[in-house]
């Protein structure tokens, strides 16, 4: 029984590192995409175009951190950049 204890803690450590990397990547994606969207909104407002209202920050943070690989892959597929905005179309 004592022989298996280090293996369990090793697996738990690997899992915690993986979760930390995933969440860290999500936070970095959220910051990058938020800055790109704000710059695009400012540019469109300066042109006199319609600027869609922003979602609440807590909602966007939760979705961006949770689903960032999907968003990044879709943005790269459609626009060639992970931080696609209406300005990159």
PDB file of N, CA and C in Angstrom:
ATOM      1  N   UNK A   1       0.811  -1.188   0.000  1.00  0.00           N
ATOM      2  CA  UNK A   1       0.000   0.000   0.000  1.00  0.00           C
ATOM      3  C   UNK A   1       0.863   1.264   0.000  1.00  0.00           C
ATOM      4  N   UNK A   2       1.943   1.252   0.759  1.00  0.00           N
ATOM      5  CA  UNK A   2       2.813   2.418   0.805  1.00  0.00           C
ATOM      6  C   UNK A   2       3.579   2.616  -0.493  1.00  0.00           C
ATOM      7  N   UNK A   3       3.753   1.570  -1.268  1.00  0.00           N
ATOM      8  CA  UNK A   3       4.467   1.693  -2.532  1.00  0.00           C
ATOM      9  C   UNK A   3       3.675   2.506  -3.545  1.00  0.00           C
ATOM     10  N   UNK A   4       2.374   2.510  -3.450  1.00  0.00           N
ATOM     11  CA  UNK A   4       1.530   3.194  -4.435  1.00  0.00           C
ATOM     12  C   UNK A   4       1.292   4.656  -4.095  1.00  0.00           C
ATOM     13  N   UNK A   5       1.583   5.046  -2.872  1.00  0.00           N
ATOM     14  CA  UNK A   5       1.340   6.422  -2.461  1.00  0.00           C
ATOM     15  C   UNK A   5       2.104   7.441  -3.308  1.00  0.00           C
ATOM     16  N   UNK A   6       3.385   7.278  -3.563  1.00  0.00           N
ATOM     17  CA  UNK A   6       4.091   8.267  -4.395  1.00  0.00           C
ATOM     18  C   UNK A   6       3.539   8.332  -5.822  1.00  0.00           C
ATOM     19  N   UNK A   7       3.071   7.217  -6.359  1.00  0.00           N
ATOM     20  CA  UNK A   7       2.503   7.220  -7.698  1.00  0.00           C
ATOM     21  C   UNK A   7       1.238   8.066  -7.749  1.00  0.00           C
ATOM     22  N   UNK A   8       0.399   7.950  -6.742  1.00  0.00           N
ATOM     23  CA  UNK A   8      -0.823   8.754  -6.703  1.00  0.00           C
ATOM     24  C   UNK A   8      -0.496  10.240  -6.619  1.00  0.00           C
ATOM     25  N   UNK A   9       0.460  10.583  -5.766  1.00  0.00           N
ATOM     26  CA  UNK A   9       0.832  11.981  -5.643  1.00  0.00           C
ATOM     27  C   UNK A   9       1.506  12.484  -6.912  1.00  0.00           C
ATOM     28  N   UNK A  10       2.237  11.611  -7.583  1.00  0.00           N
ATOM     29  CA  UNK A  10       2.849  11.997  -8.851  1.00  0.00           C
ATOM     30  C   UNK A  10       1.803  12.280  -9.907  1.00  0.00           C
ATOM     31  N   UNK A  11       0.787  11.428  -9.980  1.00  0.00           N
ATOM     32  CA  UNK A  11      -0.302  11.643 -10.944  1.00  0.00           C
ATOM     33  C   UNK A  11      -1.089  12.906 -10.610  1.00  0.00           C
ATOM     34  N   UNK A  12      -1.312  13.132  -9.319  1.00  0.00           N
ATOM     35  CA  UNK A  12      -2.028  14.332  -8.905  1.00  0.00           C
ATOM     36  C   UNK A  12      -1.211  15.577  -9.250  1.00  0.00           C
ATOM     37  N   UNK A  13       0.094  15.514  -9.083  1.00  0.00           N
ATOM     38  CA  UNK A  13       0.945  16.648  -9.437  1.00  0.00           C
ATOM     39  C   UNK A  13       0.912  16.941 -10.926  1.00  0.00           C
ATOM     40  N   UNK A  14       0.955  15.889 -11.736  1.00  0.00           N
ATOM     41  CA  UNK A  14       0.877  16.065 -13.187  1.00  0.00           C
ATOM     42  C   UNK A  14      -0.464  16.678 -13.568  1.00  0.00           C
ATOM     43  N   UNK A  15      -1.531  16.209 -12.950  1.00  0.00           N
ATOM     44  CA  UNK A  15      -2.861  16.745 -13.232  1.00  0.00           C
ATOM     45  C   UNK A  15      -2.944  18.220 -12.826  1.00  0.00           C
ATOM     46  N   UNK A  16      -2.412  18.560 -11.675  1.00  0.00           N
ATOM     47  CA  UNK A  16      -2.441  19.955 -11.228  1.00  0.00           C
ATOM     48  C   UNK A  16      -1.624  20.863 -12.144  1.00  0.00           C
ATOM     49  N   UNK A  17      -0.487  20.379 -12.618  1.00  0.00           N
ATOM     50  CA  UNK A  17       0.319  21.156 -13.555  1.00  0.00           C
ATOM     51  C   UNK A  17      -0.436  21.346 -14.876  1.00  0.00           C
ATOM     52  N   UNK A  18      -1.096  20.289 -15.357  1.00  0.00           N
ATOM     53  CA  UNK A  18      -1.860  20.389 -16.597  1.00  0.00           C
ATOM     54  C   UNK A  18      -3.008  21.382 -16.456  1.00  0.00           C
ATOM     55  N   UNK A  19      -3.714  21.333 -15.342  1.00  0.00           N
ATOM     56  CA  UNK A  19      -4.820  22.273 -15.109  1.00  0.00           C
ATOM     57  C   UNK A  19      -4.286  23.706 -15.003  1.00  0.00           C
ATOM     58  N   UNK A  20      -3.171  23.873 -14.314  1.00  0.00           N
ATOM     59  CA  UNK A  20      -2.587  25.212 -14.191  1.00  0.00           C
ATOM     60  C   UNK A  20      -2.161  25.760 -15.554  1.00  0.00           C
ATOM     61  N   UNK A  21      -1.587  24.921 -16.399  1.00  0.00           N
ATOM     62  CA  UNK A  21      -1.207  25.364 -17.749  1.00  0.00           C
ATOM     63  C   UNK A  21      -2.426  25.718 -18.587  1.00  0.00           C
ATOM     64  N   UNK A  22      -3.486  24.907 -18.482  1.00  0.00           N
ATOM     65  CA  UNK A  22      -4.714  25.166 -19.235  1.00  0.00           C
ATOM     66  C   UNK A  22      -5.342  26.494 -18.805  1.00  0.00           C
ATOM     67  N   UNK A  23      -5.470  26.687 -17.501  1.00  0.00           N
ATOM     68  CA  UNK A  23      -6.067  27.925 -16.999  1.00  0.00           C
ATOM     69  C   UNK A  23      -5.156  29.114 -17.302  1.00  0.00           C
ATOM     70  N   UNK A  24      -3.846  28.940 -17.173  1.00  0.00           N
ATOM     71  CA  UNK A  24      -2.919  30.019 -17.512  1.00  0.00           C
ATOM     72  C   UNK A  24      -3.009  30.403 -18.975  1.00  0.00           C
ATOM     73  N   UNK A  25      -3.114  29.410 -19.848  1.00  0.00           N
ATOM     74  CA  UNK A  25      -3.307  29.696 -21.270  1.00  0.00           C
ATOM     75  C   UNK A  25      -4.618  30.402 -21.521  1.00  0.00           C
ATOM     76  N   UNK A  26      -5.656  30.026 -20.793  1.00  0.00           N
ATOM     77  CA  UNK A  26      -6.957  30.679 -20.928  1.00  0.00           C
ATOM     78  C   UNK A  26      -6.926  32.123 -20.483  1.00  0.00           C
ATOM     79  N   UNK A  27      -6.231  32.393 -19.395  1.00  0.00           N
ATOM     80  CA  UNK A  27      -6.125  33.777 -18.917  1.00  0.00           C
ATOM     81  C   UNK A  27      -5.328  34.616 -19.918  1.00  0.00           C
ATOM     82  N   UNK A  28      -4.240  34.072 -20.431  1.00  0.00           N
ATOM     83  CA  UNK A  28      -3.449  34.793 -21.434  1.00  0.00           C
ATOM     84  C   UNK A  28      -4.272  35.044 -22.693  1.00  0.00           C
ATOM     85  N   UNK A  29      -5.041  34.050 -23.121  1.00  0.00           N
ATOM     86  CA  UNK A  29      -5.906  34.220 -24.286  1.00  0.00           C
ATOM     87  C   UNK A  29      -6.948  35.299 -24.024  1.00  0.00           C
ATOM     88  N   UNK A  30      -7.549  35.278 -22.848  1.00  0.00           N
ATOM     89  CA  UNK A  30      -8.573  36.271 -22.504  1.00  0.00           C
ATOM     90  C   UNK A  30      -8.000  37.685 -22.541  1.00  0.00           C
ATOM     91  N   UNK A  31      -6.819  37.862 -21.974  1.00  0.00           N
ATOM     92  CA  UNK A  31      -6.200  39.196 -21.957  1.00  0.00           C
ATOM     93  C   UNK A  31      -5.890  39.655 -23.386  1.00  0.00           C
ATOM     94  N   UNK A  32      -5.304  38.774 -24.183  1.00  0.00           N
ATOM     95  CA  UNK A  32      -4.971  39.139 -25.559  1.00  0.00           C
ATOM     96  C   UNK A  32      -6.184  39.446 -26.410  1.00  0.00           C
ATOM     97  N   UNK A  33      -7.210  38.614 -26.294  1.00  0.00           N
ATOM     98  CA  UNK A  33      -8.405  38.805 -27.107  1.00  0.00           C
ATOM     99  C   UNK A  33      -9.182  40.033 -26.645  1.00  0.00           C
ATOM    100  N   UNK A  34      -9.215  40.277 -25.343  1.00  0.00           N
ATOM    101  CA  UNK A  34      -9.912  41.452 -24.828  1.00  0.00           C
ATOM    102  C   UNK A  34      -9.255  42.736 -25.329  1.00  0.00           C
ATOM    103  N   UNK A  35      -7.928  42.771 -25.316  1.00  0.00           N
ATOM    104  CA  UNK A  35      -7.225  43.958 -25.827  1.00  0.00           C
ATOM    105  C   UNK A  35      -7.477  44.138 -27.322  1.00  0.00           C
ATOM    106  N   UNK A  36      -7.481  43.059 -28.075  1.00  0.00           N
ATOM    107  CA  UNK A  36      -7.739  43.158 -29.510  1.00  0.00           C
ATOM    108  C   UNK A  36      -9.169  43.638 -29.776  1.00  0.00           C
ATOM    109  N   UNK A  37     -10.131  43.141 -29.007  1.00  0.00           N
ATOM    110  CA  UNK A  37     -11.519  43.576 -29.186  1.00  0.00           C
ATOM    111  C   UNK A  37     -11.708  45.046 -28.819  1.00  0.00           C
ATOM    112  N   UNK A  38     -11.059  45.485 -27.750  1.00  0.00           N
ATOM    113  CA  UNK A  38     -11.179  46.892 -27.354  1.00  0.00           C
ATOM    114  C   UNK A  38     -10.581  47.812 -28.410  1.00  0.00           C
ATOM    115  N   UNK A  39      -9.457  47.433 -28.977  1.00  0.00           N
ATOM    116  CA  UNK A  39      -8.851  48.238 -30.036  1.00  0.00           C
ATOM    117  C   UNK A  39      -9.754  48.274 -31.271  1.00  0.00           C
ATOM    118  N   UNK A  40     -10.359  47.155 -31.593  1.00  0.00           N
ATOM    119  CA  UNK A  40     -11.266  47.098 -32.739  1.00  0.00           C
ATOM    120  C   UNK A  40     -12.521  47.935 -32.485  1.00  0.00           C
ATOM    121  N   UNK A  41     -13.060  47.852 -31.281  1.00  0.00           N
ATOM    122  CA  UNK A  41     -14.252  48.650 -30.953  1.00  0.00           C
ATOM    123  C   UNK A  41     -13.939  50.143 -31.050  1.00  0.00           C
ATOM    124  N   UNK A  42     -12.786  50.552 -30.555  1.00  0.00           N
ATOM    125  CA  UNK A  42     -12.407  51.967 -30.623  1.00  0.00           C
ATOM    126  C   UNK A  42     -12.249  52.413 -32.074  1.00  0.00           C
ATOM    127  N   UNK A  43     -11.631  51.571 -32.898  1.00  0.00           N
ATOM    128  CA  UNK A  43     -11.456  51.906 -34.314  1.00  0.00           C
ATOM    129  C   UNK A  43     -12.792  52.017 -35.030  1.00  0.00           C
ATOM    130  N   UNK A  44     -13.691  51.068 -34.774  1.00  0.00           N
ATOM    131  CA  UNK A  44     -15.001  51.108 -35.428  1.00  0.00           C
ATOM    132  C   UNK A  44     -15.834  52.292 -34.952  1.00  0.00           C
ATOM    133  N   UNK A  45     -15.743  52.617 -33.665  1.00  0.00           N
ATOM    134  CA  UNK A  45     -16.479  53.774 -33.151  1.00  0.00           C
ATOM    135  C   UNK A  45     -15.938  55.065 -33.762  1.00  0.00           C
ATOM    136  N   UNK A  46     -14.627  55.141 -33.966  1.00  0.00           N
ATOM    137  CA  UNK A  46     -14.033  56.337 -34.575  1.00  0.00           C
ATOM    138  C   UNK A  46     -14.477  56.500 -36.022  1.00  0.00           C
ATOM    139  N   UNK A  47     -14.719  55.368 -36.700  1.00  0.00           N
ATOM    140  CA  UNK A  47     -15.211  55.418 -38.082  1.00  0.00           C
ATOM    141  C   UNK A  47     -16.697  55.737 -38.158  1.00  0.00           C
ATOM    142  N   UNK A  48     -17.388  55.672 -37.022  1.00  0.00           N
ATOM    143  CA  UNK A  48     -18.824  55.914 -36.999  1.00  0.00           C
ATOM    144  C   UNK A  48     -19.635  54.659 -37.243  1.00  0.00           C
ATOM    145  N   UNK A  49     -19.012  53.499 -37.193  1.00  0.00           N
ATOM    146  CA  UNK A  49     -19.715  52.233 -37.396  1.00  0.00           C
ATOM    147  C   UNK A  49     -20.412  51.801 -36.115  1.00  0.00           C
ATOM    148  N   UNK A  50     -21.327  50.863 -36.272  1.00  0.00           N
ATOM    149  CA  UNK A  50     -22.002  50.284 -35.114  1.00  0.00           C
ATOM    150  C   UNK A  50     -21.011  49.441 -34.328  1.00  0.00           C
ATOM    151  N   UNK A  51     -21.011  49.609 -33.030  1.00  0.00           N
ATOM    152  CA  UNK A  51     -20.163  48.820 -32.144  1.00  0.00           C
ATOM    153  C   UNK A  51     -21.080  48.028 -31.228  1.00  0.00           C
ATOM    154  N   UNK A  52     -20.982  46.715 -31.315  1.00  0.00           N
ATOM    155  CA  UNK A  52     -21.848  45.871 -30.497  1.00  0.00           C
ATOM    156  C   UNK A  52     -21.509  46.040 -29.022  1.00  0.00           C
ATOM    157  N   UNK A  53     -22.505  45.936 -28.164  1.00  0.00           N
ATOM    158  CA  UNK A  53     -22.226  46.080 -26.731  1.00  0.00           C
ATOM    159  C   UNK A  53     -21.400  44.907 -26.218  1.00  0.00           C
ATOM    160  N   UNK A  54     -20.605  45.166 -25.212  1.00  0.00           N
ATOM    161  CA  UNK A  54     -19.749  44.126 -24.644  1.00  0.00           C
ATOM    162  C   UNK A  54     -20.548  43.286 -23.651  1.00  0.00           C
ATOM    163  N   UNK A  55     -20.174  42.013 -23.547  1.00  0.00           N
ATOM    164  CA  UNK A  55     -20.758  41.133 -22.546  1.00  0.00           C
ATOM    165  C   UNK A  55     -20.181  41.520 -21.194  1.00  0.00           C
ATOM    166  N   UNK A  56     -20.842  41.118 -20.107  1.00  0.00           N
ATOM    167  CA  UNK A  56     -20.265  41.370 -18.783  1.00  0.00           C
ATOM    168  C   UNK A  56     -18.892  40.692 -18.649  1.00  0.00           C
ATOM    169  N   UNK A  57     -17.978  41.324 -17.938  1.00  0.00           N
ATOM    170  CA  UNK A  57     -16.610  40.834 -17.862  1.00  0.00           C
ATOM    171  C   UNK A  57     -16.509  39.449 -17.249  1.00  0.00           C
ATOM    172  N   UNK A  58     -17.312  39.151 -16.252  1.00  0.00           N
ATOM    173  CA  UNK A  58     -17.265  37.832 -15.630  1.00  0.00           C
ATOM    174  C   UNK A  58     -17.667  36.728 -16.588  1.00  0.00           C
ATOM    175  N   UNK A  59     -18.650  37.003 -17.418  1.00  0.00           N
ATOM    176  CA  UNK A  59     -19.110  36.013 -18.396  1.00  0.00           C
ATOM    177  C   UNK A  59     -18.040  35.773 -19.453  1.00  0.00           C
ATOM    178  N   UNK A  60     -17.475  36.839 -19.981  1.00  0.00           N
ATOM    179  CA  UNK A  60     -16.443  36.664 -21.011  1.00  0.00           C
ATOM    180  C   UNK A  60     -15.207  35.982 -20.437  1.00  0.00           C
ATOM    181  N   UNK A  61     -14.840  36.312 -19.213  1.00  0.00           N
ATOM    182  CA  UNK A  61     -13.683  35.664 -18.602  1.00  0.00           C
ATOM    183  C   UNK A  61     -13.930  34.170 -18.438  1.00  0.00           C
ATOM    184  N   UNK A  62     -15.101  33.798 -17.939  1.00  0.00           N
ATOM    185  CA  UNK A  62     -15.410  32.382 -17.731  1.00  0.00           C
ATOM    186  C   UNK A  62     -15.403  31.612 -19.050  1.00  0.00           C
ATOM    187  N   UNK A  63     -16.031  32.149 -20.082  1.00  0.00           N
ATOM    188  CA  UNK A  63     -16.062  31.461 -21.366  1.00  0.00           C
ATOM    189  C   UNK A  63     -14.687  31.410 -22.017  1.00  0.00           C
ATOM    190  N   UNK A  64     -13.946  32.502 -21.981  1.00  0.00           N
ATOM    191  CA  UNK A  64     -12.624  32.519 -22.607  1.00  0.00           C
ATOM    192  C   UNK A  64     -11.661  31.559 -21.933  1.00  0.00           C
ATOM    193  N   UNK A  65     -11.672  31.509 -20.610  1.00  0.00           N
ATOM    194  CA  UNK A  65     -10.764  30.609 -19.896  1.00  0.00           C
ATOM    195  C   UNK A  65     -11.190  29.158 -20.093  1.00  0.00           C
ATOM    196  N   UNK A  66     -12.482  28.896 -20.185  1.00  0.00           N
ATOM    197  CA  UNK A  66     -12.965  27.521 -20.337  1.00  0.00           C
ATOM    198  C   UNK A  66     -12.776  26.969 -21.741  1.00  0.00           C
ATOM    199  N   UNK A  67     -13.056  27.774 -22.744  1.00  0.00           N
ATOM    200  CA  UNK A  67     -13.098  27.265 -24.117  1.00  0.00           C
ATOM    201  C   UNK A  67     -12.035  27.867 -25.026  1.00  0.00           C
ATOM    202  N   UNK A  68     -10.934  28.365 -24.476  1.00  0.00           N
ATOM    203  CA  UNK A  68      -9.949  29.071 -25.285  1.00  0.00           C
ATOM    204  C   UNK A  68      -9.346  28.233 -26.404  1.00  0.00           C
ATOM    205  N   UNK A  69      -9.136  26.916 -26.258  1.00  0.00           N
ATOM    206  CA  UNK A  69      -8.577  26.182 -27.412  1.00  0.00           C
ATOM    207  C   UNK A  69      -9.535  26.163 -28.606  1.00  0.00           C
ATOM    208  N   UNK A  70     -10.830  26.074 -28.322  1.00  0.00           N
ATOM    209  CA  UNK A  70     -11.828  26.066 -29.397  1.00  0.00           C
ATOM    210  C   UNK A  70     -11.867  27.425 -30.082  1.00  0.00           C
ATOM    211  N   UNK A  71     -11.896  28.495 -29.284  1.00  0.00           N
ATOM    212  CA  UNK A  71     -11.935  29.839 -29.853  1.00  0.00           C
ATOM    213  C   UNK A  71     -10.683  30.132 -30.677  1.00  0.00           C
ATOM    214  N   UNK A  72      -9.532  29.778 -30.140  1.00  0.00           N
ATOM    215  CA  UNK A  72      -8.277  30.043 -30.849  1.00  0.00           C
ATOM    216  C   UNK A  72      -8.208  29.258 -32.153  1.00  0.00           C
ATOM    217  N   UNK A  73      -8.602  27.982 -32.122  1.00  0.00           N
ATOM    218  CA  UNK A  73      -8.569  27.163 -33.339  1.00  0.00           C
ATOM    219  C   UNK A  73      -9.538  27.697 -34.390  1.00  0.00           C
ATOM    220  N   UNK A  74     -10.725  28.078 -33.977  1.00  0.00           N
ATOM    221  CA  UNK A  74     -11.702  28.615 -34.925  1.00  0.00           C
ATOM    222  C   UNK A  74     -11.230  29.945 -35.507  1.00  0.00           C
ATOM    223  N   UNK A  75     -10.650  30.794 -34.662  1.00  0.00           N
ATOM    224  CA  UNK A  75     -10.152  32.075 -35.154  1.00  0.00           C
ATOM    225  C   UNK A  75      -9.001  31.895 -36.141  1.00  0.00           C
ATOM    226  N   UNK A  76      -8.101  30.980 -35.841  1.00  0.00           N
ATOM    227  CA  UNK A  76      -6.987  30.722 -36.764  1.00  0.00           C
ATOM    228  C   UNK A  76      -7.509  30.140 -38.067  1.00  0.00           C
ATOM    229  N   UNK A  77      -8.464  29.236 -37.986  1.00  0.00           N
ATOM    230  CA  UNK A  77      -9.020  28.624 -39.188  1.00  0.00           C
ATOM    231  C   UNK A  77      -9.696  29.661 -40.084  1.00  0.00           C
ATOM    232  N   UNK A  78     -10.476  30.549 -39.482  1.00  0.00           N
ATOM    233  CA  UNK A  78     -11.252  31.502 -40.284  1.00  0.00           C
ATOM    234  C   UNK A  78     -10.488  32.776 -40.645  1.00  0.00           C
ATOM    235  N   UNK A  79      -9.655  33.281 -39.721  1.00  0.00           N
ATOM    236  CA  UNK A  79      -9.007  34.572 -39.948  1.00  0.00           C
ATOM    237  C   UNK A  79      -7.486  34.530 -39.928  1.00  0.00           C
ATOM    238  N   UNK A  80      -6.909  33.408 -39.573  1.00  0.00           N
ATOM    239  CA  UNK A  80      -5.462  33.298 -39.568  1.00  0.00           C
ATOM    240  C   UNK A  80      -4.779  33.865 -38.339  1.00  0.00           C
ATOM    241  N   UNK A  81      -5.533  34.258 -37.335  1.00  0.00           N
ATOM    242  CA  UNK A  81      -4.976  34.781 -36.098  1.00  0.00           C
ATOM    243  C   UNK A  81      -5.810  34.276 -34.926  1.00  0.00           C
ATOM    244  N   UNK A  82      -5.183  33.964 -33.788  1.00  0.00           N
ATOM    245  CA  UNK A  82      -5.977  33.486 -32.653  1.00  0.00           C
ATOM    246  C   UNK A  82      -6.837  34.574 -32.009  1.00  0.00           C
ATOM    247  N   UNK A  83      -6.503  35.836 -32.253  1.00  0.00           N
ATOM    248  CA  UNK A  83      -7.255  36.941 -31.667  1.00  0.00           C
ATOM    249  C   UNK A  83      -8.075  37.651 -32.741  1.00  0.00           C
ATOM    250  N   UNK A  84      -8.923  36.924 -33.424  1.00  0.00           N
ATOM    251  CA  UNK A  84      -9.737  37.492 -34.507  1.00  0.00           C
ATOM    252  C   UNK A  84     -10.817  38.420 -33.935  1.00  0.00           C
ATOM    253  N   UNK A  85     -11.028  39.502 -34.619  1.00  0.00           N
ATOM    254  CA  UNK A  85     -12.066  40.481 -34.271  1.00  0.00           C
ATOM    255  C   UNK A  85     -12.805  40.849 -35.547  1.00  0.00           C
ATOM    256  N   UNK A  86     -13.866  41.621 -35.452  1.00  0.00           N
ATOM    257  CA  UNK A  86     -14.517  42.090 -36.681  1.00  0.00           C
ATOM    258  C   UNK A  86     -13.579  42.905 -37.574  1.00  0.00           C
ATOM    259  N   UNK A  87     -12.539  43.464 -37.011  1.00  0.00           N
ATOM    260  CA  UNK A  87     -11.577  44.243 -37.796  1.00  0.00           C
ATOM    261  C   UNK A  87     -10.626  43.367 -38.605  1.00  0.00           C
ATOM    262  N   UNK A  88     -10.493  42.094 -38.269  1.00  0.00           N
ATOM    263  CA  UNK A  88      -9.571  41.226 -38.982  1.00  0.00           C
ATOM    264  C   UNK A  88     -10.243  40.492 -40.139  1.00  0.00           C
ATOM    265  N   UNK A  89     -11.534  40.694 -40.329  1.00  0.00           N
ATOM    266  CA  UNK A  89     -12.234  40.000 -41.421  1.00  0.00           C
ATOM    267  C   UNK A  89     -11.850  40.598 -42.753  1.00  0.00           C
TER     268      UNK A  89
END
